[in-house]
Amino acid sequence: MKANKRLQSEDTSLLKDIVDLKIKLSELYNQTGPTTSEYVSLSIQLSKRMNEYFDEKVAQLN
């Protein structure tokens, strides 16, 4: 039971990070476009966080 609650809180934190990165990415895109190094860096961070989330979900299925 405790492990399940801990996993849910981690998912919430991870989802919050993903949403925050998407918002920042969108704002940056509107300001500077997709060719800045900051945009590329945020895009990579977002991709990594999303992969973490999907990996956790797949692990839960097993």
Protein backbone atom coordinates (compact mmCIF):
# COMPACT_ATOMS: atom_id res chain seq x y z
CA MET A 1 0.00 0.00 0.00
CA LYS A 2 2.78 2.45 0.89
CA ALA A 3 4.67 1.63 -2.31
CA ASN A 4 1.55 2.34 -4.35
CA LYS A 5 1.09 5.76 -2.68
CA ARG A 6 4.77 6.57 -3.19
CA LEU A 7 4.53 5.66 -6.86
CA GLN A 8 1.45 7.83 -7.29
CA SER A 9 3.20 10.83 -5.73
CA GLU A 10 6.21 10.28 -8.00
CA ASP A 11 3.89 10.17 -11.01
CA THR A 12 2.31 13.44 -9.89
CA SER A 13 5.70 15.08 -9.60
CA LEU A 14 6.79 13.71 -12.94
CA LEU A 15 3.58 14.86 -14.61
CA LYS A 16 4.00 18.33 -13.10
CA ASP A 17 7.53 18.50 -14.51
CA ILE A 18 6.24 17.47 -17.93
CA VAL A 19 3.50 20.10 -17.90
CA ASP A 20 5.93 22.81 -16.73
CA LEU A 21 8.41 21.92 -19.46
CA LYS A 22 5.68 21.96 -22.11
CA ILE A 23 4.56 25.41 -20.98
CA LYS A 24 8.13 26.74 -20.99
CA LEU A 25 8.77 25.18 -24.39
CA SER A 26 5.64 26.73 -25.85
CA GLU A 27 6.47 30.17 -24.46
CA LEU A 28 10.03 29.96 -25.71
CA TYR A 29 8.85 28.84 -29.15
CA ASN A 30 6.54 31.86 -29.35
CA GLN A 31 9.34 34.22 -28.30
CA THR A 32 12.36 32.92 -30.20
CA GLY A 33 11.34 30.00 -32.37
CA PRO A 34 12.71 26.46 -32.33
CA THR A 35 16.30 27.20 -33.34
CA THR A 36 17.77 28.42 -30.05
CA SER A 37 19.96 26.22 -27.89
CA GLU A 38 17.67 26.81 -24.91
CA TYR A 39 14.68 25.50 -26.90
CA VAL A 40 16.60 22.41 -27.97
CA SER A 41 17.76 21.80 -24.40
CA LEU A 42 14.22 22.09 -23.00
CA SER A 43 12.93 19.83 -25.76
CA ILE A 44 15.47 17.16 -24.84
CA GLN A 45 14.58 17.48 -21.14
CA LEU A 46 10.90 17.11 -21.98
CA SER A 47 11.57 14.04 -24.07
CA LYS A 48 13.56 12.42 -21.26
CA ARG A 49 10.88 13.14 -18.67
CA MET A 50 8.16 11.76 -20.93
CA ASN A 51 10.21 8.61 -21.51
CA GLU A 52 10.61 8.23 -17.74
CA TYR A 53 6.86 8.51 -17.32
CA PHE A 54 6.13 5.94 -20.02
CA ASP A 55 8.76 3.58 -18.62
CA GLU A 56 7.10 3.77 -15.19
CA LYS A 57 3.71 3.05 -16.72
CA VAL A 58 5.05 0.04 -18.62
CA ALA A 59 6.70 -1.27 -15.45
CA GLN A 60 3.36 -1.01 -13.64
CA LEU A 61 1.77 -3.26 -16.24
CA ASN A 62 4.16 -6.10 -15.41
